[in-house]
Every structure is written in structure tokens, then in C-alpha cells.
Amino acid sequence: MAKIYSAPKDIKQPTFNFENFNQKKHQEQEDKYIDDLKAYLAERGYTGKNAGETISFPVADSQAVYMVVSMRPLQLMEVPVGDCWTFQYIDRLTAKDVQQKIDQKKSLAKLFSH
């Protein structure tokens, strides 16, 4: 069973600018936020296997995103991006499930990188 943490409040979360939305700029903000979360974990000694990797699950009209804190014991952090959805079964995941999601994500990225 996974232990789930909230993202630290002191790292600035990206926000939508509904009056003048720019998809590219918003994606850059989300990417920076994820990089900042990875750095936050690394500064606290979470540098083991898959630490800082993200996994996602389809939820409603978007996705729920989580970052690996550690694989053993399995600890994940919610990544509040997009609509900030959560996955209802996230705490039931095992390290094997998370590794499969990471491997799947990497395989798809490789497949579509050309």
C-alpha cells in the first residue's frame, strides 16, 4: 500500500490565466513546477530508484498526477497540476504497479519521439 503526501505549499503552483491563456507558457510553468518538486525531494535525500518520476491516471476530463518519493516503502506525492484531480485507488498501488506505469510511460515516449 502506498503512502500519499500533498505537495509542499512553499513551492509555487502554476495557475491558469483565463483572461490571456497561453498553452505554451502554462506548460512551461507546469514543467518548472515538476522540476522544483524533484529538486525539493532531492534536497531531502529522496534520490533512490524512480524518485522524482511522475505517473498519471485518467480521471474525468483530465488526469491525476503523482510523483514518486520512494519505492520502498512506496511513497507518492500528489502533483496538483491541471484540474488537480486525484485517483481514487492511489493508496492501493504497489511498487510493482508504479514500476509498470513508469515503464509504460517511458515506452510510449520512446515510441512517439520520432
N, C-alpha and C. Protein backbone atom coordinates (compact mmCIF):
# COMPACT_ATOMS: atom_id res chain seq x y z
N MET A 1 0.82 -1.18 0.00
CA MET A 1 0.00 0.00 0.00
C MET A 1 0.87 1.25 0.00
N ALA A 2 0.48 2.20 -0.80
CA ALA A 2 1.25 3.43 -0.94
C ALA A 2 0.84 4.46 0.11
N LYS A 3 1.81 5.21 0.57
CA LYS A 3 1.54 6.35 1.44
C LYS A 3 1.57 7.58 0.54
N ILE A 4 0.55 8.43 0.66
CA ILE A 4 0.40 9.58 -0.22
C ILE A 4 0.60 10.88 0.55
N TYR A 5 1.39 11.77 -0.04
CA TYR A 5 1.66 13.08 0.56
C TYR A 5 1.12 14.17 -0.35
N SER A 6 0.82 15.31 0.24
CA SER A 6 0.47 16.51 -0.53
C SER A 6 1.75 17.20 -0.95
N ALA A 7 1.69 17.95 -2.02
CA ALA A 7 2.85 18.73 -2.47
C ALA A 7 3.11 19.84 -1.45
N PRO A 8 4.39 20.22 -1.29
CA PRO A 8 4.69 21.30 -0.34
C PRO A 8 4.06 22.62 -0.78
N LYS A 9 3.53 23.33 0.19
CA LYS A 9 2.84 24.60 -0.10
C LYS A 9 3.80 25.72 -0.47
N ASP A 10 5.07 25.60 -0.06
CA ASP A 10 6.02 26.69 -0.32
C ASP A 10 6.60 26.68 -1.73
N ILE A 11 6.24 25.70 -2.54
CA ILE A 11 6.64 25.69 -3.94
C ILE A 11 5.46 26.21 -4.76
N LYS A 12 5.72 27.29 -5.50
CA LYS A 12 4.63 27.97 -6.23
C LYS A 12 4.02 27.06 -7.29
N GLN A 13 2.74 26.84 -7.14
CA GLN A 13 1.96 26.01 -8.07
C GLN A 13 1.53 26.85 -9.27
N PRO A 14 1.57 26.29 -10.49
CA PRO A 14 1.11 27.05 -11.66
C PRO A 14 -0.38 27.38 -11.55
N THR A 15 -0.75 28.52 -12.05
CA THR A 15 -2.15 28.92 -12.07
C THR A 15 -2.57 29.28 -13.48
N PHE A 16 -3.83 29.13 -13.76
CA PHE A 16 -4.36 29.48 -15.08
C PHE A 16 -4.61 30.98 -15.16
N ASN A 17 -4.29 31.54 -16.31
CA ASN A 17 -4.63 32.93 -16.61
C ASN A 17 -5.77 32.85 -17.63
N PHE A 18 -6.99 32.92 -17.15
CA PHE A 18 -8.15 32.75 -18.02
C PHE A 18 -8.35 33.93 -18.96
N GLU A 19 -7.86 35.09 -18.60
CA GLU A 19 -8.04 36.28 -19.44
C GLU A 19 -7.12 36.28 -20.65
N ASN A 20 -5.93 35.71 -20.48
CA ASN A 20 -4.96 35.71 -21.57
C ASN A 20 -4.19 34.39 -21.56
N PHE A 21 -4.91 33.29 -21.78
CA PHE A 21 -4.30 31.96 -21.65
C PHE A 21 -3.34 31.68 -22.80
N ASN A 22 -2.17 31.18 -22.43
CA ASN A 22 -1.14 30.80 -23.39
C ASN A 22 -0.71 29.38 -23.04
N GLN A 23 -1.09 28.39 -23.86
CA GLN A 23 -0.82 26.99 -23.57
C GLN A 23 0.66 26.71 -23.39
N LYS A 24 1.49 27.26 -24.27
CA LYS A 24 2.94 27.02 -24.20
C LYS A 24 3.51 27.55 -22.88
N LYS A 25 3.13 28.76 -22.52
CA LYS A 25 3.62 29.36 -21.28
C LYS A 25 3.14 28.56 -20.07
N HIS A 26 1.89 28.13 -20.10
CA HIS A 26 1.37 27.35 -18.98
C HIS A 26 2.11 26.02 -18.85
N GLN A 27 2.38 25.35 -19.98
CA GLN A 27 3.11 24.09 -19.94
C GLN A 27 4.51 24.29 -19.39
N GLU A 28 5.14 25.40 -19.74
CA GLU A 28 6.46 25.72 -19.19
C GLU A 28 6.39 25.88 -17.67
N GLN A 29 5.33 26.52 -17.18
CA GLN A 29 5.15 26.69 -15.73
C GLN A 29 4.95 25.34 -15.04
N GLU A 30 4.16 24.46 -15.66
CA GLU A 30 3.96 23.13 -15.07
C GLU A 30 5.26 22.34 -15.06
N ASP A 31 6.02 22.41 -16.15
CA ASP A 31 7.31 21.71 -16.21
C ASP A 31 8.26 22.21 -15.13
N LYS A 32 8.30 23.55 -14.94
CA LYS A 32 9.16 24.12 -13.90
C LYS A 32 8.69 23.66 -12.52
N TYR A 33 7.39 23.61 -12.30
CA TYR A 33 6.85 23.17 -11.02
C TYR A 33 7.28 21.73 -10.73
N ILE A 34 7.19 20.87 -11.72
CA ILE A 34 7.60 19.48 -11.54
C ILE A 34 9.10 19.40 -11.27
N ASP A 35 9.90 20.19 -11.98
CA ASP A 35 11.34 20.24 -11.71
C ASP A 35 11.62 20.72 -10.29
N ASP A 36 10.87 21.71 -9.83
CA ASP A 36 11.04 22.22 -8.46
C ASP A 36 10.68 21.15 -7.43
N LEU A 37 9.64 20.37 -7.70
CA LEU A 37 9.27 19.28 -6.79
C LEU A 37 10.36 18.22 -6.75
N LYS A 38 10.94 17.89 -7.90
CA LYS A 38 12.05 16.93 -7.94
C LYS A 38 13.23 17.44 -7.11
N ALA A 39 13.56 18.71 -7.27
CA ALA A 39 14.66 19.31 -6.52
C ALA A 39 14.36 19.28 -5.02
N TYR A 40 13.13 19.55 -4.65
CA TYR A 40 12.69 19.51 -3.25
C TYR A 40 12.94 18.12 -2.66
N LEU A 41 12.59 17.08 -3.41
CA LEU A 41 12.81 15.72 -2.92
C LEU A 41 14.30 15.41 -2.81
N ALA A 42 15.05 15.79 -3.82
CA ALA A 42 16.49 15.51 -3.83
C ALA A 42 17.19 16.21 -2.65
N GLU A 43 16.78 17.45 -2.35
CA GLU A 43 17.36 18.18 -1.23
C GLU A 43 17.11 17.48 0.10
N ARG A 44 16.06 16.69 0.16
CA ARG A 44 15.71 15.98 1.39
C ARG A 44 16.17 14.53 1.37
N GLY A 45 17.01 14.19 0.40
CA GLY A 45 17.62 12.86 0.37
C GLY A 45 16.85 11.80 -0.39
N TYR A 46 15.76 12.17 -1.04
CA TYR A 46 14.98 11.20 -1.81
C TYR A 46 15.56 11.12 -3.22
N THR A 47 16.58 10.28 -3.38
CA THR A 47 17.27 10.16 -4.65
C THR A 47 17.33 8.72 -5.12
N GLY A 48 16.57 7.84 -4.50
CA GLY A 48 16.58 6.42 -4.85
C GLY A 48 15.92 6.15 -6.18
N LYS A 49 15.78 4.86 -6.46
CA LYS A 49 15.18 4.40 -7.72
C LYS A 49 13.84 5.08 -7.96
N ASN A 50 13.72 5.70 -9.11
CA ASN A 50 12.50 6.35 -9.60
C ASN A 50 12.07 7.60 -8.82
N ALA A 51 12.84 8.04 -7.85
CA ALA A 51 12.47 9.26 -7.12
C ALA A 51 12.38 10.41 -8.11
N GLY A 52 11.27 11.13 -8.07
CA GLY A 52 11.05 12.26 -8.97
C GLY A 52 10.34 11.90 -10.26
N GLU A 53 10.15 10.62 -10.52
CA GLU A 53 9.40 10.21 -11.71
C GLU A 53 7.92 10.51 -11.49
N THR A 54 7.22 10.86 -12.54
CA THR A 54 5.78 11.11 -12.43
C THR A 54 5.00 10.00 -13.12
N ILE A 55 3.84 9.73 -12.57
CA ILE A 55 2.89 8.80 -13.17
C ILE A 55 1.54 9.50 -13.19
N SER A 56 0.68 9.09 -14.10
CA SER A 56 -0.63 9.73 -14.16
C SER A 56 -1.71 8.70 -14.47
N PHE A 57 -2.92 9.08 -14.12
CA PHE A 57 -4.08 8.23 -14.30
C PHE A 57 -5.21 9.07 -14.89
N PRO A 58 -5.90 8.55 -15.90
CA PRO A 58 -7.03 9.30 -16.45
C PRO A 58 -8.15 9.43 -15.41
N VAL A 59 -8.63 10.64 -15.25
CA VAL A 59 -9.74 10.91 -14.33
C VAL A 59 -10.63 11.96 -14.99
N ALA A 60 -11.91 11.67 -15.09
CA ALA A 60 -12.89 12.59 -15.68
C ALA A 60 -12.37 13.13 -17.01
N ASP A 61 -12.21 14.45 -17.12
CA ASP A 61 -11.78 15.06 -18.38
C ASP A 61 -10.30 15.40 -18.39
N SER A 62 -9.54 14.83 -17.47
CA SER A 62 -8.13 15.18 -17.35
C SER A 62 -7.33 14.02 -16.81
N GLN A 63 -6.44 14.30 -15.88
CA GLN A 63 -5.64 13.25 -15.29
C GLN A 63 -5.21 13.63 -13.87
N ALA A 64 -4.91 12.59 -13.09
CA ALA A 64 -4.34 12.76 -11.76
C ALA A 64 -2.86 12.44 -11.88
N VAL A 65 -2.01 13.32 -11.36
CA VAL A 65 -0.56 13.16 -11.49
C VAL A 65 0.05 12.98 -10.11
N TYR A 66 1.00 12.05 -10.03
CA TYR A 66 1.71 11.76 -8.79
C TYR A 66 3.19 11.65 -9.07
N MET A 67 4.01 11.99 -8.06
CA MET A 67 5.46 11.87 -8.18
C MET A 67 5.94 10.83 -7.17
N VAL A 68 6.89 10.01 -7.60
CA VAL A 68 7.46 9.01 -6.72
C VAL A 68 8.40 9.70 -5.73
N VAL A 69 8.15 9.47 -4.45
CA VAL A 69 9.04 9.93 -3.39
C VAL A 69 10.04 8.81 -3.12
N SER A 70 9.53 7.60 -2.89
CA SER A 70 10.38 6.43 -2.72
C SER A 70 9.60 5.19 -3.14
N MET A 71 10.35 4.17 -3.54
CA MET A 71 9.72 2.91 -3.97
C MET A 71 9.56 1.94 -2.80
N ARG A 72 10.50 1.96 -1.88
CA ARG A 72 10.44 1.07 -0.72
C ARG A 72 10.80 1.85 0.52
N PRO A 73 9.87 2.16 1.38
CA PRO A 73 8.44 1.91 1.23
C PRO A 73 7.86 2.82 0.14
N LEU A 74 6.78 2.37 -0.45
CA LEU A 74 6.18 3.13 -1.54
C LEU A 74 5.53 4.40 -0.99
N GLN A 75 6.06 5.55 -1.46
CA GLN A 75 5.55 6.85 -1.07
C GLN A 75 5.40 7.70 -2.32
N LEU A 76 4.23 8.30 -2.47
CA LEU A 76 3.93 9.14 -3.63
C LEU A 76 3.47 10.51 -3.16
N MET A 77 3.67 11.50 -4.01
CA MET A 77 3.24 12.86 -3.71
C MET A 77 2.26 13.31 -4.79
N GLU A 78 1.14 13.88 -4.37
CA GLU A 78 0.20 14.45 -5.32
C GLU A 78 0.87 15.63 -6.02
N VAL A 79 0.66 15.72 -7.33
CA VAL A 79 1.19 16.85 -8.11
C VAL A 79 -0.04 17.63 -8.62
N PRO A 80 -0.37 18.72 -7.95
CA PRO A 80 -1.59 19.47 -8.30
C PRO A 80 -1.42 20.33 -9.55
N VAL A 81 -1.53 19.70 -10.69
CA VAL A 81 -1.48 20.42 -11.97
C VAL A 81 -2.80 20.19 -12.71
N GLY A 82 -3.03 21.01 -13.71
CA GLY A 82 -4.29 20.88 -14.46
C GLY A 82 -5.48 21.13 -13.57
N ASP A 83 -6.39 20.17 -13.56
CA ASP A 83 -7.59 20.29 -12.73
C ASP A 83 -7.40 19.75 -11.32
N CYS A 84 -6.18 19.33 -10.99
CA CYS A 84 -5.83 18.83 -9.65
C CYS A 84 -6.65 17.62 -9.23
N TRP A 85 -6.92 16.73 -10.17
CA TRP A 85 -7.66 15.52 -9.86
C TRP A 85 -6.83 14.59 -8.98
N THR A 86 -7.52 13.71 -8.25
CA THR A 86 -6.86 12.63 -7.51
C THR A 86 -7.41 11.30 -8.03
N PHE A 87 -6.61 10.26 -7.92
CA PHE A 87 -7.00 8.93 -8.35
C PHE A 87 -7.52 8.17 -7.14
N GLN A 88 -8.74 7.68 -7.22
CA GLN A 88 -9.40 7.11 -6.05
C GLN A 88 -8.72 5.87 -5.48
N TYR A 89 -7.93 5.17 -6.27
CA TYR A 89 -7.28 3.94 -5.79
C TYR A 89 -5.77 4.11 -5.59
N ILE A 90 -5.28 5.33 -5.54
CA ILE A 90 -3.85 5.57 -5.48
C ILE A 90 -3.20 4.89 -4.28
N ASP A 91 -3.85 4.87 -3.14
CA ASP A 91 -3.25 4.27 -1.95
C ASP A 91 -3.19 2.74 -2.02
N ARG A 92 -3.82 2.15 -3.00
CA ARG A 92 -3.81 0.69 -3.15
C ARG A 92 -2.70 0.19 -4.08
N LEU A 93 -1.96 1.12 -4.69
CA LEU A 93 -0.90 0.72 -5.61
C LEU A 93 0.25 0.05 -4.86
N THR A 94 0.93 -0.83 -5.58
CA THR A 94 2.14 -1.46 -5.06
C THR A 94 3.34 -0.91 -5.83
N ALA A 95 4.53 -1.20 -5.36
CA ALA A 95 5.74 -0.77 -6.07
C ALA A 95 5.76 -1.37 -7.47
N LYS A 96 5.28 -2.58 -7.63
CA LYS A 96 5.23 -3.22 -8.95
C LYS A 96 4.30 -2.43 -9.88
N ASP A 97 3.14 -2.01 -9.38
CA ASP A 97 2.20 -1.21 -10.19
C ASP A 97 2.86 0.08 -10.65
N VAL A 98 3.55 0.75 -9.74
CA VAL A 98 4.20 2.03 -10.06
C VAL A 98 5.31 1.82 -11.09
N GLN A 99 6.10 0.76 -10.92
CA GLN A 99 7.16 0.48 -11.88
C GLN A 99 6.58 0.22 -13.26
N GLN A 100 5.47 -0.49 -13.33
CA GLN A 100 4.82 -0.75 -14.62
C GLN A 100 4.37 0.55 -15.27
N LYS A 101 3.79 1.46 -14.48
CA LYS A 101 3.35 2.76 -15.03
C LYS A 101 4.55 3.57 -15.55
N ILE A 102 5.64 3.55 -14.82
CA ILE A 102 6.85 4.27 -15.25
C ILE A 102 7.39 3.67 -16.54
N ASP A 103 7.47 2.34 -16.59
CA ASP A 103 7.96 1.66 -17.80
C ASP A 103 7.06 1.94 -18.99
N GLN A 104 5.75 1.93 -18.76
CA GLN A 104 4.78 2.22 -19.82
C GLN A 104 4.97 3.65 -20.35
N LYS A 105 5.13 4.59 -19.45
CA LYS A 105 5.32 6.00 -19.84
C LYS A 105 6.59 6.16 -20.68
N LYS A 106 7.67 5.52 -20.26
CA LYS A 106 8.93 5.62 -20.99
C LYS A 106 8.84 4.95 -22.36
N SER A 107 8.14 3.83 -22.45
CA SER A 107 7.97 3.14 -23.73
C SER A 107 7.16 3.99 -24.71
N LEU A 108 6.10 4.61 -24.21
CA LEU A 108 5.29 5.47 -25.08
C LEU A 108 6.08 6.70 -25.53
N ALA A 109 6.85 7.27 -24.63
CA ALA A 109 7.67 8.43 -25.00
C ALA A 109 8.68 8.05 -26.09
N LYS A 110 9.28 6.89 -25.95
CA LYS A 110 10.24 6.42 -26.94
C LYS A 110 9.55 6.16 -28.28
N LEU A 111 8.39 5.55 -28.23
CA LEU A 111 7.65 5.23 -29.45
C LEU A 111 7.28 6.48 -30.24
N PHE A 112 6.87 7.54 -29.53
CA PHE A 112 6.40 8.75 -30.20
C PHE A 112 7.44 9.85 -30.29
N SER A 113 8.71 9.54 -30.01
CA SER A 113 9.74 10.57 -30.03
C SER A 113 10.29 10.82 -31.44
N HIS A 114 9.87 10.07 -32.39
CA HIS A 114 10.40 10.23 -33.76
C HIS A 114 9.57 11.16 -34.58
